[in-house]
Amino acid sequence: MLFKTLRSQLIVAVTLVVTTVVLVQLCIRAFVISPQIKSLANESLKFELLRLASEVNQELRALENLVYDNAVWDETYKAVSERNTAWFEKTYFLPLSYSTLGITGWYFFDAKSQLVAGDYKRVGTNAINIEKQIVQSGALVTPYLLTEELAKTHFAIIENAPVALVASPILPSNEEGESNGTAIIIQDINDAFIQRITPNLNGDILLHPLSTLSKTQLAASVKYGELGDQTSTVKLRESDTARLYILFTDTSDNPLFALSIKRPSSPENDSIFEGSLLAGVLFSVIALIVFYGFLNRKLIAPFYQLLRFVEHAQDEKDFSLRCELDGSNEVFQLSHRLNQLFKTIEEQQSNLSEKNAVLENLSRTDALTGLSNRRYFDEWMAQLSSTQKTTHSSISLLIIDIDHFKKFNDFYGHAKGDEALTLVAQCIKQSVHEATDKPFRYGGEEFAVVLQQTSLEEAKKVADNIRSHVEQRCYEHAKSPTSTFVTVSIGVACKEQGVNLDSQSLFQKADEALYNAKRLGRNVVSSISDTN
């Protein structure tokens, strides 16, 4: 028989072990570790693309709200019907408005796509060409295409430069009846726009005109429409480009321009075969001959530890763990690289979380007054209602309304109206305690203040302080039947101790109190206690 001697049998056994160990290690690397590393790296790329799309989307939503607020307004509807160009010149085409809002132009068309009034602030442009290019872009809203989302953004090239055309149908304030035209804000997509969406991050995002994009960059880009939200199923193209590209297209899906962000660093090498791998196996086999347990402890067990480590990270999306292995062989090197990769992903997730937190804060803040907005008010009241602690303390709600604000806006214009809103917001902030009280801009000229651990009598004092503070600012309001200055009416409602918080009931009572304050002649405080 062959292999009669113990040496030959041992050589055969060691050969089989070496062959088995090599095959096991190659399989683990090829079918488990390398795919999981690649999957984790792809997730990191998706996070970066979604972050960039979210920053652009946040700015465009603000512009859509702006054009909607101005298009769905009786005065605008009337001015378009009468083709009152002078009114548009006086109301919209003001240098201060452009510099404050950061936009490039305002255009107003009638229902037949004929220009009523328009103004464009980019130097060296032809007004007639701009009007034609806007019509050709497909951004105009016809009376037969109205949807629930009245404001919509289209991308186009105007005067050889990329722009966002933010359009809304022109309707009466009650949104009833047929649209008599389209209002359009033109926002240049340029370095100033990029700086506005990513302040203090110079060079983080770059703008690429279509003519500067190579075929490789175009093929690797992801369309903006595919990046709707954080749950988007983005399919990344295989590419070795140094940056990640988001492609913006027109209404016919023709590419216009791209924005890019630096591609995050990826693992240095995930090749299946490495020369050091075989050397490591050889030394491990020598250790196996001497002591099987040593081999098992130093090679086989660590590989399974790495496998469980990577599986846990992928399943739980937890990259804060570190694989602590002793030694200097390939297993340790692999664990070290995994630790470096996990550290990179964890840092990127942390950065993304911080930036998402900034975006979340922006989405909860009213841009004009700096107060929290209606969305955060609803979230805050829901949070208070779900906490049992609120049952044992008094919670008061103030609803504040600027008296005769529509007359103020009609007489002084929206710019002065914004000043009045900001003044009232300042008076509110100066009259409440930041630690326990939360002021909100509820909508339009209406504000709300939630006072924790505050009884009805204490809340009335706070409300009267706000009312008095506003009145003492002596901000002129010549059209007010109540006073020659801007004043506010305040409704106060209180949920007493021992009563469960019903946010809807509390708000309704505060609103009833506000109505009563107006009935009493305005510039007064009226209150209702919620003891049910």
Protein backbone atom coordinates (compact mmCIF):
# COMPACT_ATOMS: atom_id res chain seq x y z
CA MET A 1 0.00 0.00 0.00
CA LEU A 2 1.03 3.52 -0.57
CA PHE A 3 1.63 5.85 2.35
CA LYS A 4 2.50 3.02 4.72
CA THR A 5 4.77 5.10 6.87
CA LEU A 6 3.57 7.52 9.48
CA ARG A 7 5.52 10.35 7.80
CA SER A 8 3.77 9.77 4.50
CA GLN A 9 0.39 9.61 6.20
CA LEU A 10 1.14 12.81 8.10
CA ILE A 11 2.26 14.49 4.89
CA VAL A 12 -1.02 13.46 3.25
CA ALA A 13 -2.99 14.64 6.30
CA VAL A 14 -1.18 17.98 6.42
CA THR A 15 -1.67 18.38 2.67
CA LEU A 16 -5.40 17.77 3.04
CA VAL A 17 -5.58 20.18 5.97
CA VAL A 18 -3.66 22.85 4.04
CA THR A 19 -5.93 22.36 1.03
CA THR A 20 -9.05 22.52 3.20
CA VAL A 21 -7.89 25.58 5.12
CA VAL A 22 -7.01 27.42 1.93
CA LEU A 23 -10.38 26.63 0.36
CA VAL A 24 -12.28 27.65 3.50
CA GLN A 25 -10.48 30.97 3.74
CA LEU A 26 -10.97 31.74 0.06
CA CYS A 27 -14.69 30.91 0.27
CA ILE A 28 -15.21 33.08 3.33
CA ARG A 29 -13.43 35.99 1.69
CA ALA A 30 -15.13 35.56 -1.70
CA PHE A 31 -18.70 34.85 -0.61
CA VAL A 32 -19.08 36.53 2.79
CA ILE A 33 -16.61 39.24 3.71
CA SER A 34 -15.99 40.87 0.29
CA PRO A 35 -19.72 41.11 -0.63
CA GLN A 36 -20.58 42.51 2.78
CA ILE A 37 -17.77 45.10 2.59
CA LYS A 38 -18.98 46.12 -0.86
CA SER A 39 -22.56 46.32 0.42
CA LEU A 40 -21.53 48.54 3.31
CA ALA A 41 -19.53 50.80 0.99
CA ASN A 42 -22.54 51.12 -1.38
CA GLU A 43 -24.76 52.10 1.55
CA SER A 44 -22.30 54.86 2.38
CA LEU A 45 -22.47 56.18 -1.22
CA LYS A 46 -26.29 56.15 -1.09
CA PHE A 47 -26.24 58.17 2.15
CA GLU A 48 -24.12 60.87 0.48
CA LEU A 49 -26.36 61.09 -2.61
CA LEU A 50 -29.50 61.31 -0.48
CA ARG A 51 -27.90 64.01 1.67
CA LEU A 52 -27.14 66.15 -1.39
CA ALA A 53 -30.64 65.62 -2.83
CA SER A 54 -32.20 66.48 0.53
CA GLU A 55 -30.27 69.76 0.75
CA VAL A 56 -31.42 70.79 -2.75
CA ASN A 57 -35.00 69.66 -2.05
CA GLN A 58 -35.16 71.69 1.18
CA GLU A 59 -34.31 74.93 -0.67
CA LEU A 60 -36.73 74.21 -3.53
CA ARG A 61 -39.58 73.47 -1.10
CA ALA A 62 -39.04 76.88 0.47
CA LEU A 63 -39.26 78.51 -2.98
CA GLU A 64 -42.43 76.54 -3.80
CA ASN A 65 -44.02 77.78 -0.59
CA LEU A 66 -42.96 81.33 -1.50
CA VAL A 67 -44.41 81.30 -5.02
CA TYR A 68 -47.61 79.60 -3.77
CA ASP A 69 -48.15 82.22 -1.03
CA ASN A 70 -47.88 85.01 -3.60
CA ALA A 71 -49.77 83.33 -6.46
CA VAL A 72 -52.81 82.29 -4.39
CA TRP A 73 -53.67 85.85 -3.38
CA ASP A 74 -56.61 88.01 -4.39
CA GLU A 75 -54.43 91.03 -5.21
CA THR A 76 -52.22 89.03 -7.59
CA TYR A 77 -55.28 87.43 -9.20
CA LYS A 78 -56.81 90.86 -9.74
CA ALA A 79 -53.58 92.38 -11.09
CA VAL A 80 -53.20 89.59 -13.67
CA SER A 81 -56.83 89.93 -14.75
CA GLU A 82 -56.37 93.72 -15.19
CA ARG A 83 -52.81 93.32 -16.56
CA ASN A 84 -51.73 95.89 -13.98
CA THR A 85 -47.98 96.01 -14.71
CA ALA A 86 -47.41 98.95 -12.38
CA TRP A 87 -48.72 96.96 -9.40
CA PHE A 88 -46.24 94.17 -10.07
CA GLU A 89 -43.39 96.67 -10.38
CA LYS A 90 -44.26 98.19 -7.01
CA THR A 91 -44.99 94.91 -5.20
CA TYR A 92 -42.46 92.37 -6.49
CA PHE A 93 -39.68 93.89 -8.55
CA LEU A 94 -37.81 95.46 -5.62
CA PRO A 95 -34.00 95.14 -5.19
CA LEU A 96 -34.42 94.49 -1.47
CA SER A 97 -36.75 91.54 -2.14
CA TYR A 98 -34.29 89.96 -4.55
CA SER A 99 -31.35 90.32 -2.17
CA THR A 100 -33.36 89.06 0.82
CA LEU A 101 -34.92 86.06 -0.93
CA GLY A 102 -31.83 85.20 -2.99
CA ILE A 103 -33.88 84.63 -6.18
CA THR A 104 -33.12 85.83 -9.72
CA GLY A 105 -36.48 86.77 -11.18
CA TRP A 106 -40.29 86.98 -10.98
CA TYR A 107 -42.56 86.33 -14.00
CA PHE A 108 -46.35 86.42 -14.28
CA PHE A 109 -48.23 84.98 -17.29
CA ASP A 110 -51.94 84.94 -18.07
CA ALA A 111 -53.95 81.80 -18.87
CA LYS A 112 -53.01 82.13 -22.56
CA SER A 113 -49.28 82.02 -21.71
CA GLN A 114 -48.93 85.72 -22.51
CA LEU A 115 -46.55 87.69 -20.30
CA VAL A 116 -48.22 90.15 -17.92
CA ALA A 117 -45.14 91.29 -16.02
CA GLY A 118 -41.62 90.01 -15.48
CA ASP A 119 -38.25 91.00 -14.12
CA TYR A 120 -34.88 89.22 -14.33
CA LYS A 121 -31.81 90.39 -12.44
CA ARG A 122 -28.99 88.53 -14.18
CA VAL A 123 -26.73 90.98 -16.02
CA GLY A 124 -26.58 90.86 -19.82
CA THR A 125 -29.86 89.05 -20.51
CA ASN A 126 -32.55 89.62 -23.13
CA ALA A 127 -36.03 89.99 -21.60
CA ILE A 128 -37.85 88.77 -24.74
CA ASN A 129 -35.64 85.69 -25.02
CA ILE A 130 -36.26 84.86 -21.36
CA GLU A 131 -40.02 85.07 -21.82
CA LYS A 132 -39.87 82.68 -24.79
CA GLN A 133 -37.54 80.28 -23.03
CA ILE A 134 -39.86 80.08 -20.00
CA VAL A 135 -42.86 79.26 -22.21
CA GLN A 136 -40.83 76.65 -24.15
CA SER A 137 -39.65 75.01 -20.91
CA GLY A 138 -43.14 73.67 -20.16
CA ALA A 139 -43.18 75.26 -16.71
CA LEU A 140 -46.46 77.18 -17.22
CA VAL A 141 -49.46 75.74 -15.37
CA THR A 142 -52.67 75.50 -17.43
CA PRO A 143 -56.12 75.69 -15.77
CA TYR A 144 -56.71 72.04 -16.76
CA LEU A 145 -53.63 70.58 -15.03
CA LEU A 146 -54.16 71.69 -11.43
CA THR A 147 -53.33 69.13 -8.74
CA GLU A 148 -53.24 69.08 -4.95
CA GLU A 149 -49.58 70.19 -5.11
CA LEU A 150 -50.13 73.53 -6.79
CA ALA A 151 -46.49 74.65 -6.72
CA LYS A 152 -44.00 72.67 -8.79
CA THR A 153 -40.35 72.99 -9.81
CA HIS A 154 -38.98 72.48 -13.32
CA PHE A 155 -35.36 72.71 -14.39
CA ALA A 156 -34.28 74.49 -17.55
CA ILE A 157 -31.46 76.38 -19.28
CA ILE A 158 -32.24 80.11 -19.41
CA GLU A 159 -29.77 82.34 -21.23
CA ASN A 160 -27.20 79.51 -21.30
CA ALA A 161 -27.29 78.98 -17.52
CA PRO A 162 -29.09 76.35 -15.43
CA VAL A 163 -32.12 77.53 -13.44
CA ALA A 164 -34.98 76.18 -11.38
CA LEU A 165 -38.40 77.44 -12.55
CA VAL A 166 -40.72 77.30 -9.52
CA ALA A 167 -44.29 77.72 -10.78
CA SER A 168 -47.74 78.01 -9.24
CA PRO A 169 -51.17 78.72 -10.78
CA ILE A 170 -52.62 82.14 -9.93
CA LEU A 171 -55.84 81.69 -7.96
CA PRO A 172 -58.03 83.64 -5.56
CA SER A 173 -57.13 83.29 -1.88
CA ASN A 174 -59.86 80.69 -1.33
CA GLU A 175 -58.37 78.52 -4.15
CA GLU A 176 -61.76 78.32 -5.81
CA GLY A 177 -62.46 79.01 -9.44
CA GLU A 178 -60.27 78.72 -12.51
CA SER A 179 -56.66 79.86 -12.60
CA ASN A 180 -56.07 82.98 -14.67
CA GLY A 181 -52.34 82.50 -15.10
CA THR A 182 -49.04 81.29 -13.72
CA ALA A 183 -46.55 82.88 -11.30
CA ILE A 184 -42.93 81.79 -11.70
CA ILE A 185 -39.84 82.34 -9.56
CA ILE A 186 -36.53 81.96 -11.38
CA GLN A 187 -33.70 80.65 -9.21
CA ASP A 188 -30.26 80.49 -10.79
CA ILE A 189 -28.42 77.26 -9.97
CA ASN A 190 -25.00 78.72 -9.30
CA ASP A 191 -22.31 78.96 -6.63
CA ALA A 192 -24.48 81.28 -4.52
CA PHE A 193 -27.31 78.71 -4.54
CA ILE A 194 -24.89 75.95 -3.53
CA GLN A 195 -23.46 78.09 -0.70
CA ARG A 196 -26.99 78.72 0.57
CA ILE A 197 -27.87 75.01 0.80
CA THR A 198 -24.50 74.05 2.33
CA PRO A 199 -23.31 77.02 4.41
CA ASN A 200 -19.76 76.84 5.80
CA LEU A 201 -18.90 73.83 3.59
CA ASN A 202 -16.99 75.43 0.72
CA GLY A 203 -16.22 72.97 -2.07
CA ASP A 204 -18.43 70.24 -0.62
CA ILE A 205 -20.79 70.46 -3.61
CA LEU A 206 -19.80 71.39 -7.20
CA LEU A 207 -21.93 72.50 -10.17
CA HIS A 208 -21.24 70.88 -13.57
CA PRO A 209 -22.75 72.31 -16.80
CA LEU A 210 -23.72 69.59 -19.27
CA SER A 211 -20.86 70.53 -21.63
CA THR A 212 -18.27 69.73 -18.93
CA LEU A 213 -19.58 66.22 -18.16
CA SER A 214 -17.86 63.25 -19.77
CA LYS A 215 -19.72 60.19 -21.00
CA THR A 216 -18.38 58.27 -18.01
CA GLN A 217 -19.67 60.88 -15.57
CA LEU A 218 -23.08 60.97 -17.27
CA ALA A 219 -23.33 57.19 -17.21
CA ALA A 220 -22.42 57.09 -13.50
CA SER A 221 -24.86 59.84 -12.47
CA VAL A 222 -28.19 59.32 -10.67
CA LYS A 223 -31.21 61.37 -11.70
CA TYR A 224 -32.58 63.84 -9.15
CA GLY A 225 -36.08 62.40 -9.54
CA GLU A 226 -34.85 59.01 -8.28
CA LEU A 227 -33.77 60.54 -4.95
CA GLY A 228 -37.14 61.51 -3.48
CA ASP A 229 -36.44 60.64 0.17
CA GLN A 230 -34.25 58.64 2.55
CA THR A 231 -36.07 55.40 1.62
CA SER A 232 -35.39 55.73 -2.11
CA THR A 233 -34.15 52.51 -3.76
CA VAL A 234 -31.18 54.04 -5.54
CA LYS A 235 -29.30 51.83 -7.98
CA LEU A 236 -25.68 52.95 -8.22
CA ARG A 237 -23.81 52.43 -11.48
CA GLU A 238 -20.38 50.82 -11.35
CA SER A 239 -17.86 53.66 -11.67
CA ASP A 240 -14.41 54.73 -10.54
CA THR A 241 -15.15 58.46 -10.74
CA ALA A 242 -13.79 60.58 -7.88
CA ARG A 243 -17.17 62.22 -7.24
CA LEU A 244 -20.84 61.20 -7.02
CA TYR A 245 -23.12 62.95 -9.54
CA ILE A 246 -26.82 63.87 -9.45
CA LEU A 247 -28.19 64.68 -12.90
CA PHE A 248 -30.97 67.27 -13.38
CA THR A 249 -33.23 67.02 -16.44
CA ASP A 250 -35.95 69.11 -18.11
CA THR A 251 -39.60 68.15 -18.54
CA SER A 252 -38.67 65.94 -21.53
CA ASP A 253 -36.01 64.12 -19.46
CA ASN A 254 -33.18 65.76 -21.36
CA PRO A 255 -30.04 66.23 -19.21
CA LEU A 256 -29.27 69.85 -18.28
CA PHE A 257 -26.60 69.96 -15.56
CA ALA A 258 -25.30 68.02 -12.59
CA LEU A 259 -24.31 68.56 -8.98
CA SER A 260 -21.58 66.42 -7.45
CA ILE A 261 -20.19 65.55 -4.06
CA LYS A 262 -16.89 63.90 -3.20
CA ARG A 263 -17.01 60.11 -3.22
CA PRO A 264 -16.37 58.72 0.29
CA SER A 265 -13.25 56.65 0.76
CA SER A 266 -13.68 52.88 0.31
CA PRO A 267 -11.68 49.85 1.46
CA GLU A 268 -8.18 49.76 -0.02
CA ASN A 269 -8.27 46.20 -1.31
CA ASP A 270 -10.92 43.50 -1.27
CA SER A 271 -9.19 41.10 -3.65
CA ILE A 272 -9.78 37.44 -2.89
CA PHE A 273 -6.18 36.36 -3.47
CA GLU A 274 -3.26 37.75 -1.52
CA GLY A 275 0.25 36.30 -1.30
CA SER A 276 0.35 36.84 2.41
CA LEU A 277 -2.78 34.71 2.73
CA LEU A 278 -0.92 31.55 1.67
CA ALA A 279 2.04 32.32 3.92
CA GLY A 280 -0.32 32.73 6.83
CA VAL A 281 -1.94 29.39 6.05
CA LEU A 282 1.46 27.68 5.95
CA PHE A 283 2.44 28.97 9.39
CA SER A 284 -0.97 27.99 10.70
CA VAL A 285 -0.51 24.43 9.43
CA ILE A 286 2.82 24.15 11.30
CA ALA A 287 1.00 25.26 14.43
CA LEU A 288 -1.71 22.67 13.71
CA ILE A 289 0.86 19.86 13.63
CA VAL A 290 2.19 20.92 17.01
CA PHE A 291 -1.10 21.56 18.71
CA TYR A 292 -4.55 21.39 17.11
CA GLY A 293 -6.13 23.50 19.78
CA PHE A 294 -3.68 26.30 19.11
CA LEU A 295 -4.62 26.25 15.43
CA ASN A 296 -8.29 26.25 16.25
CA ARG A 297 -7.92 29.14 18.70
CA LYS A 298 -5.67 31.29 16.52
CA LEU A 299 -7.09 30.79 13.03
CA ILE A 300 -10.42 29.02 12.68
CA ALA A 301 -12.19 30.63 15.64
CA PRO A 302 -11.07 34.20 14.73
CA PHE A 303 -12.46 33.80 11.22
CA TYR A 304 -15.86 32.87 12.60
CA GLN A 305 -15.56 35.78 15.00
CA LEU A 306 -14.98 38.09 12.04
CA LEU A 307 -17.93 36.58 10.22
CA ARG A 308 -20.26 37.10 13.17
CA PHE A 309 -18.81 40.58 13.63
CA VAL A 310 -19.57 41.59 10.02
CA GLU A 311 -23.00 39.92 10.06
CA HIS A 312 -23.93 41.75 13.26
CA ALA A 313 -22.83 45.08 11.80
CA GLN A 314 -24.82 44.50 8.61
CA ASP A 315 -27.96 43.16 10.32
CA GLU A 316 -28.06 45.73 13.14
CA LYS A 317 -26.59 48.65 11.16
CA ASP A 318 -24.29 49.17 14.16
CA PHE A 319 -20.77 50.19 13.15
CA SER A 320 -19.61 51.34 16.57
CA LEU A 321 -18.26 47.90 17.52
CA ARG A 322 -14.59 47.01 16.99
CA CYS A 323 -13.13 43.56 16.44
CA GLU A 324 -10.35 43.06 18.98
CA LEU A 325 -7.99 40.35 17.70
CA ASP A 326 -4.44 39.72 18.85
CA GLY A 327 -1.58 38.98 16.51
CA SER A 328 -0.17 40.21 13.22
CA ASN A 329 -1.27 37.63 10.66
CA GLU A 330 -3.82 38.04 7.86
CA VAL A 331 -6.75 37.56 10.22
CA PHE A 332 -5.59 40.48 12.32
CA GLN A 333 -4.94 42.57 9.18
CA LEU A 334 -8.44 41.84 7.93
CA SER A 335 -9.95 42.75 11.29
CA HIS A 336 -7.86 45.95 11.31
CA ARG A 337 -9.15 46.91 7.86
CA LEU A 338 -12.69 46.10 8.90
CA ASN A 339 -12.24 48.28 11.98
CA GLN A 340 -10.95 51.12 9.77
CA LEU A 341 -13.88 50.65 7.39
CA PHE A 342 -16.39 50.61 10.24
CA LYS A 343 -14.79 53.72 11.72
CA THR A 344 -15.13 55.48 8.34
CA ILE A 345 -18.77 54.42 7.98
CA GLU A 346 -19.51 55.40 11.59
CA GLU A 347 -17.98 58.86 11.03
CA GLN A 348 -19.96 59.27 7.81
CA GLN A 349 -23.16 58.19 9.57
CA SER A 350 -22.39 60.65 12.37
CA ASN A 351 -21.81 63.46 9.86
CA LEU A 352 -24.99 62.51 8.05
CA SER A 353 -26.92 62.46 11.33
CA GLU A 354 -25.59 65.90 12.24
CA LYS A 355 -26.50 67.29 8.83
CA ASN A 356 -29.91 65.62 9.00
CA ALA A 357 -30.37 67.18 12.43
CA VAL A 358 -29.59 70.60 10.91
CA LEU A 359 -32.08 69.93 8.11
CA GLU A 360 -34.66 68.72 10.63
CA ASN A 361 -34.18 71.90 12.65
CA LEU A 362 -34.58 73.98 9.48
CA SER A 363 -37.77 72.10 8.62
CA ARG A 364 -39.14 72.92 12.08
CA THR A 365 -38.24 76.63 11.97
CA ASP A 366 -40.10 79.50 10.37
CA ALA A 367 -37.54 81.21 8.12
CA LEU A 368 -38.94 84.72 8.56
CA THR A 369 -39.39 84.98 12.35
CA GLY A 370 -36.96 82.35 13.62
CA LEU A 371 -39.73 80.80 15.74
CA SER A 372 -40.71 77.14 15.52
CA ASN A 373 -43.26 76.47 12.78
CA ARG A 374 -46.70 74.82 12.59
CA ARG A 375 -45.19 71.38 11.96
CA TYR A 376 -43.15 71.47 15.16
CA PHE A 377 -46.16 72.82 17.08
CA ASP A 378 -48.16 69.71 16.15
CA GLU A 379 -45.23 67.45 17.07
CA TRP A 380 -44.68 69.22 20.40
CA MET A 381 -48.35 69.04 21.43
CA ALA A 382 -48.47 65.35 20.47
CA GLN A 383 -45.36 64.74 22.55
CA LEU A 384 -46.86 66.50 25.57
CA SER A 385 -50.12 64.58 25.18
CA SER A 386 -48.27 61.25 25.20
CA THR A 387 -46.39 61.99 28.44
CA GLN A 388 -48.06 61.07 31.73
CA LYS A 389 -46.12 63.78 33.58
CA THR A 390 -48.26 66.46 31.95
CA THR A 391 -51.28 65.21 33.92
CA HIS A 392 -49.71 66.45 37.16
CA SER A 393 -48.88 69.97 36.00
CA SER A 394 -50.67 72.96 34.52
CA ILE A 395 -50.17 73.68 30.82
CA SER A 396 -51.39 76.88 29.22
CA LEU A 397 -51.75 77.76 25.55
CA LEU A 398 -51.74 81.28 24.07
CA ILE A 399 -53.10 81.92 20.57
CA ILE A 400 -51.94 85.34 19.34
CA ASP A 401 -53.33 87.14 16.31
CA ILE A 402 -52.11 90.46 14.86
CA ASP A 403 -55.11 92.80 14.70
CA HIS A 404 -56.26 93.81 11.20
CA PHE A 405 -53.12 92.34 9.60
CA LYS A 406 -54.68 92.02 6.15
CA LYS A 407 -55.42 95.74 6.12
CA PHE A 408 -51.83 96.33 7.19
CA ASN A 409 -50.48 94.20 4.31
CA ASP A 410 -52.83 95.76 1.78
CA PHE A 411 -51.78 99.26 2.83
CA TYR A 412 -48.06 98.88 3.55
CA GLY A 413 -47.13 95.90 1.36
CA HIS A 414 -45.62 92.51 2.15
CA ALA A 415 -42.16 93.83 3.01
CA LYS A 416 -43.55 95.91 5.88
CA GLY A 417 -45.84 93.02 6.75
CA ASP A 418 -42.79 90.81 7.21
CA GLU A 419 -41.28 93.48 9.47
CA ALA A 420 -44.43 93.51 11.58
CA LEU A 421 -44.41 89.71 11.88
CA THR A 422 -40.75 89.78 12.93
CA LEU A 423 -41.44 92.53 15.50
CA VAL A 424 -44.27 90.55 17.10
CA ALA A 425 -42.10 87.41 17.15
CA GLN A 426 -39.35 89.36 18.96
CA CYS A 427 -41.82 90.66 21.53
CA ILE A 428 -43.06 87.10 22.14
CA LYS A 429 -39.56 85.67 22.58
CA GLN A 430 -38.61 88.47 24.97
CA SER A 431 -41.71 87.83 27.10
CA VAL A 432 -41.36 84.08 27.71
CA HIS A 433 -38.90 81.78 29.49
CA GLU A 434 -36.83 79.78 27.02
CA ALA A 435 -36.34 76.88 29.47
CA THR A 436 -40.05 76.00 29.84
CA ASP A 437 -41.99 78.01 27.23
CA LYS A 438 -42.12 77.38 23.48
CA PRO A 439 -43.28 80.05 21.01
CA PHE A 440 -44.43 79.09 17.48
CA ARG A 441 -45.51 80.84 14.31
CA TYR A 442 -48.73 78.93 13.72
CA GLY A 443 -49.42 80.41 10.30
CA GLY A 444 -49.86 83.76 8.58
CA GLU A 445 -50.27 86.42 11.28
CA GLU A 446 -51.12 83.89 14.00
CA PHE A 447 -48.71 82.74 16.73
CA ALA A 448 -48.93 80.20 19.55
CA VAL A 449 -47.10 79.88 22.87
CA VAL A 450 -47.10 76.72 25.04
CA LEU A 451 -46.44 77.47 28.73
CA GLN A 452 -45.53 74.48 30.90
CA GLN A 453 -46.13 74.47 34.65
CA THR A 454 -48.14 77.66 34.25
CA SER A 455 -51.58 78.32 35.72
CA LEU A 456 -54.32 80.28 33.99
CA GLU A 457 -53.62 83.45 36.02
CA GLU A 458 -49.89 83.24 35.32
CA ALA A 459 -50.57 82.63 31.63
CA LYS A 460 -52.84 85.70 31.48
CA LYS A 461 -49.99 87.78 32.92
CA VAL A 462 -47.61 86.46 30.27
CA ALA A 463 -50.18 87.16 27.58
CA ASP A 464 -50.74 90.70 28.81
CA ASN A 465 -46.98 91.28 28.90
CA ILE A 466 -46.80 90.22 25.24
CA ARG A 467 -49.78 92.38 24.30
CA SER A 468 -48.32 95.38 26.15
CA HIS A 469 -44.86 94.80 24.73
CA VAL A 470 -46.20 94.84 21.16
CA GLU A 471 -48.28 97.95 21.78
CA GLN A 472 -45.35 99.81 23.36
CA ARG A 473 -43.24 99.24 20.27
CA CYS A 474 -45.51 101.83 18.59
CA TYR A 475 -45.20 100.28 15.12
CA GLU A 476 -47.48 102.35 12.91
CA HIS A 477 -50.74 100.84 11.64
CA ALA A 478 -52.71 103.70 10.09
CA LYS A 479 -55.50 101.42 8.80
CA SER A 480 -56.30 99.74 12.11
CA PRO A 481 -59.73 100.58 13.61
CA THR A 482 -58.34 99.52 17.00
CA SER A 483 -55.21 101.65 17.34
CA THR A 484 -52.79 103.76 15.36
CA PHE A 485 -50.14 101.16 16.11
CA VAL A 486 -49.78 97.41 15.55
CA THR A 487 -51.59 95.49 18.32
CA VAL A 488 -52.40 91.87 19.06
CA SER A 489 -55.36 89.96 20.47
CA ILE A 490 -54.62 86.92 22.63
CA GLY A 491 -56.71 83.93 23.61
CA VAL A 492 -55.59 81.97 26.69
CA ALA A 493 -56.61 78.44 27.68
CA CYS A 494 -55.25 76.32 30.52
CA LYS A 495 -55.20 72.61 31.32
CA GLU A 496 -55.18 72.49 35.12
CA GLN A 497 -53.30 69.98 37.31
CA GLY A 498 -54.80 66.50 37.51
CA VAL A 499 -56.46 66.74 34.08
CA ASN A 500 -55.24 64.72 31.10
CA LEU A 501 -53.98 66.89 28.27
CA ASP A 502 -56.27 66.92 25.22
CA SER A 503 -54.32 69.10 22.79
CA GLN A 504 -57.25 69.53 20.37
CA SER A 505 -59.61 70.59 23.16
CA LEU A 506 -57.01 72.98 24.61
CA PHE A 507 -56.40 74.55 21.22
CA GLN A 508 -60.13 74.89 20.55
CA LYS A 509 -60.66 76.69 23.86
CA ALA A 510 -57.70 79.01 23.23
CA ASP A 511 -59.12 79.73 19.77
CA GLU A 512 -62.54 80.46 21.32
CA ALA A 513 -60.86 82.80 23.77
CA LEU A 514 -59.11 84.54 20.86
CA TYR A 515 -62.45 84.95 19.11
CA ASN A 516 -63.86 86.46 22.30
CA ALA A 517 -60.90 88.86 22.51
CA LYS A 518 -61.66 90.06 19.01
CA ARG A 519 -65.35 90.41 19.88
CA LEU A 520 -64.38 92.56 22.88
CA GLY A 521 -62.67 95.05 20.60
CA ARG A 522 -59.21 93.52 20.02
CA ASN A 523 -55.91 94.47 21.70
CA VAL A 524 -57.12 92.50 24.74
CA VAL A 525 -56.48 89.17 26.46
CA SER A 526 -59.33 86.68 26.92
CA SER A 527 -59.10 83.35 28.74
CA ILE A 528 -60.82 79.96 29.18
CA SER A 529 -59.84 77.23 31.67
CA ASP A 530 -59.92 73.60 30.45
CA THR A 531 -61.07 71.66 33.53
CA ASN A 532 -62.89 68.79 31.76
